[in-house]
C-alpha atoms as a PDB file:
ATOM      1  CA  MET A   1     131.727  85.295  60.993  1.00  0.00           C
ATOM      2  CA  GLU A   2     131.736  88.617  59.316  1.00  0.00           C
ATOM      3  CA  PHE A   3     130.155  89.287  55.845  1.00  0.00           C
ATOM      4  CA  SER A   4     133.084  89.451  53.711  1.00  0.00           C
ATOM      5  CA  LYS A   5     134.420  86.078  55.071  1.00  0.00           C
ATOM      6  CA  LYS A   6     130.920  84.597  54.327  1.00  0.00           C
ATOM      7  CA  MET A   7     131.077  85.944  50.722  1.00  0.00           C
ATOM      8  CA  LEU A   8     134.622  84.510  50.198  1.00  0.00           C
ATOM      9  CA  VAL A   9     133.478  81.080  51.556  1.00  0.00           C
ATOM     10  CA  LEU A  10     130.552  81.277  49.337  1.00  0.00           C
ATOM     11  CA  HIS A  11     132.406  82.123  46.118  1.00  0.00           C
ATOM     12  CA  ILE A  12     134.708  79.396  46.873  1.00  0.00           C
ATOM     13  CA  CYS A  13     132.108  76.907  47.321  1.00  0.00           C
ATOM     14  CA  ILE A  14     130.170  77.980  44.319  1.00  0.00           C
ATOM     15  CA  SER A  15     133.799  77.740  42.261  1.00  0.00           C
ATOM     16  CA  VAL A  16     134.374  74.138  43.577  1.00  0.00           C
ATOM     17  CA  ILE A  17     130.696  73.131  42.567  1.00  0.00           C
ATOM     18  CA  LEU A  18     131.233  74.569  38.952  1.00  0.00           C
ATOM     19  CA  CYS A  19     134.629  72.868  38.641  1.00  0.00           C
ATOM     20  CA  GLY A  20     133.123  69.494  39.669  1.00  0.00           C
ATOM     21  CA  ILE A  21     130.345  69.849  37.351  1.00  0.00           C
ATOM     22  CA  THR A  22     132.739  70.670  34.468  1.00  0.00           C
ATOM     23  CA  VAL A  23     134.807  67.840  35.445  1.00  0.00           C
ATOM     24  CA  ALA A  24     131.892  65.331  35.631  1.00  0.00           C
ATOM     25  CA  GLY A  25     130.403  66.466  32.607  1.00  0.00           C
ATOM     26  CA  THR A  26     133.439  66.260  30.598  1.00  0.00           C
ATOM     27  CA  ILE A  27     134.056  62.611  31.859  1.00  0.00           C
ATOM     28  CA  ARG A  28     130.493  61.707  30.726  1.00  0.00           C
ATOM     29  CA  GLY A  29     130.849  63.376  27.243  1.00  0.00           C
ATOM     30  CA  TRP A  30     128.623  66.234  27.748  1.00  0.00           C
ATOM     31  CA  ASP A  31     129.048  69.605  26.304  1.00  0.00           C
ATOM     32  CA  VAL A  32     130.056  71.768  29.342  1.00  0.00           C
ATOM     33  CA  SER A  33     131.622  74.417  27.578  1.00  0.00           C
ATOM     34  CA  ALA A  34     129.293  77.038  28.951  1.00  0.00           C
ATOM     35  CA  VAL A  35     129.685  75.780  32.713  1.00  0.00           C
ATOM     36  CA  ALA A  36     133.475  75.606  32.000  1.00  0.00           C
ATOM     37  CA  VAL A  37     133.457  79.368  31.261  1.00  0.00           C
ATOM     38  CA  LEU A  38     131.419  80.105  34.314  1.00  0.00           C
ATOM     39  CA  ALA A  39     133.871  78.005  36.246  1.00  0.00           C
ATOM     40  CA  GLY A  40     136.742  80.182  35.119  1.00  0.00           C
ATOM     41  CA  THR A  41     135.088  83.266  35.748  1.00  0.00           C
ATOM     42  CA  SER A  42     133.881  82.157  39.277  1.00  0.00           C
ATOM     43  CA  LEU A  43     137.710  81.525  40.080  1.00  0.00           C
ATOM     44  CA  VAL A  44     138.565  84.989  38.923  1.00  0.00           C
ATOM     45  CA  THR A  45     135.813  86.296  41.294  1.00  0.00           C
ATOM     46  CA  ASP A  46     137.478  84.176  44.113  1.00  0.00           C
ATOM     47  CA  GLY A  47     140.778  85.779  43.413  1.00  0.00           C
ATOM     48  CA  THR A  48     139.080  89.259  43.609  1.00  0.00           C
ATOM     49  CA  TRP A  49     137.282  88.580  46.804  1.00  0.00           C
ATOM     50  CA  GLY A  50     140.373  87.111  48.281  1.00  0.00           C
ATOM     51  CA  GLY A  51     142.259  90.142  47.438  1.00  0.00           C
ATOM     52  CA  PHE A  52     139.629  92.492  48.866  1.00  0.00           C
ATOM     53  CA  TYR A  53     139.648  90.498  52.178  1.00  0.00           C
ATOM     54  CA  LEU A  54     143.147  90.439  52.580  1.00  0.00           C
ATOM     55  CA  TRP A  55     143.398  94.264  52.000  1.00  0.00           C
ATOM     56  CA  LYS A  56     140.617  94.937  54.471  1.00  0.00           C
ATOM     57  CA  SER A  57     142.338  92.715  57.103  1.00  0.00           C
ATOM     58  CA  LYS A  58     145.730  94.365  56.442  1.00  0.00           C
ATOM     59  CA  ASN A  59     144.120  97.721  57.185  1.00  0.00           C
ATOM     60  CA  GLU A  60     142.167  96.773  60.201  1.00  0.00           C
ATOM     61  CA  ASN A  61     145.300  95.147  61.802  1.00  0.00           C
ATOM     62  CA  ARG A  62     147.263  98.228  60.981  1.00  0.00           C
ATOM     63  CA  ALA A  63     144.690 100.493  62.983  1.00  0.00           C
ATOM     64  CA  LYS A  64     144.706  97.776  65.788  1.00  0.00           C
ATOM     65  CA  TYR A  65     148.434  98.027  66.123  1.00  0.00           C
ATOM     66  CA  ALA A  66     148.669 101.735  65.964  1.00  0.00           C
ATOM     67  CA  GLN A  67     146.161 101.988  68.699  1.00  0.00           C
ATOM     68  CA  ARG A  68     148.163  99.415  70.759  1.00  0.00           C
ATOM     69  CA  PHE A  69     151.425 101.430  70.186  1.00  0.00           C
ATOM     70  CA  LEU A  70     149.611 104.601  71.151  1.00  0.00           C
ATOM     71  CA  LYS A  71     148.439 102.928  74.379  1.00  0.00           C
ATOM     72  CA  GLN A  72     151.731 101.223  75.156  1.00  0.00           C
ATOM     73  CA  PHE A  73     154.267 103.992  74.297  1.00  0.00           C
ATOM     74  CA  ALA A  74     152.332 107.223  75.347  1.00  0.00           C
ATOM     75  CA  SER A  75     152.559 106.132  79.084  1.00  0.00           C
ATOM     76  CA  GLN A  76     156.452 105.058  78.816  1.00  0.00           C
ATOM     77  CA  TYR A  77     157.957 107.464  76.246  1.00  0.00           C
ATOM     78  CA  GLY A  78     155.424 110.269  75.788  1.00  0.00           C
ATOM     79  CA  ALA A  79     152.959 111.111  73.098  1.00  0.00           C
ATOM     80  CA  ASP A  80     155.394 112.368  70.643  1.00  0.00           C
ATOM     81  CA  VAL A  81     157.189 109.046  70.307  1.00  0.00           C
ATOM     82  CA  ALA A  82     153.995 107.259  70.362  1.00  0.00           C
ATOM     83  CA  LEU A  83     152.622 109.200  67.238  1.00  0.00           C
ATOM     84  CA  ARG A  84     155.831 108.395  65.527  1.00  0.00           C
ATOM     85  CA  ALA A  85     155.577 104.699  66.098  1.00  0.00           C
ATOM     86  CA  ALA A  86     152.069 104.805  65.126  1.00  0.00           C
ATOM     87  CA  GLU A  87     152.963 106.602  61.634  1.00  0.00           C
ATOM     88  CA  ILE A  88     155.502 104.059  60.955  1.00  0.00           C
ATOM     89  CA  VAL A  89     152.968 101.333  61.477  1.00  0.00           C
ATOM     90  CA  LEU A  90     150.391 102.973  59.548  1.00  0.00           C
ATOM     91  CA  LYS A  91     152.836 103.810  56.352  1.00  0.00           C
ATOM     92  CA  ASP A  92     152.457 101.464  53.210  1.00  0.00           C
END
């Protein structure tokens, strides 16, 4: 498992634990306002890590498919067509 995926899983586990502590503390009548703030902030961090991971995966997949197009189309249709296909794939 790559580092970014490990960090995403770690942040999600921390968020679940903090949310569980907040719910359990509220049910028992404890003052959990500080933990609740941490749980909310942790959920924001999960969103940031998730967005980063999706962005990274998208760019890695784009490069992988562009290389695949270059290999596949260059032998059949020529390098010029292969470069155009790769350019279309790499466009945002």
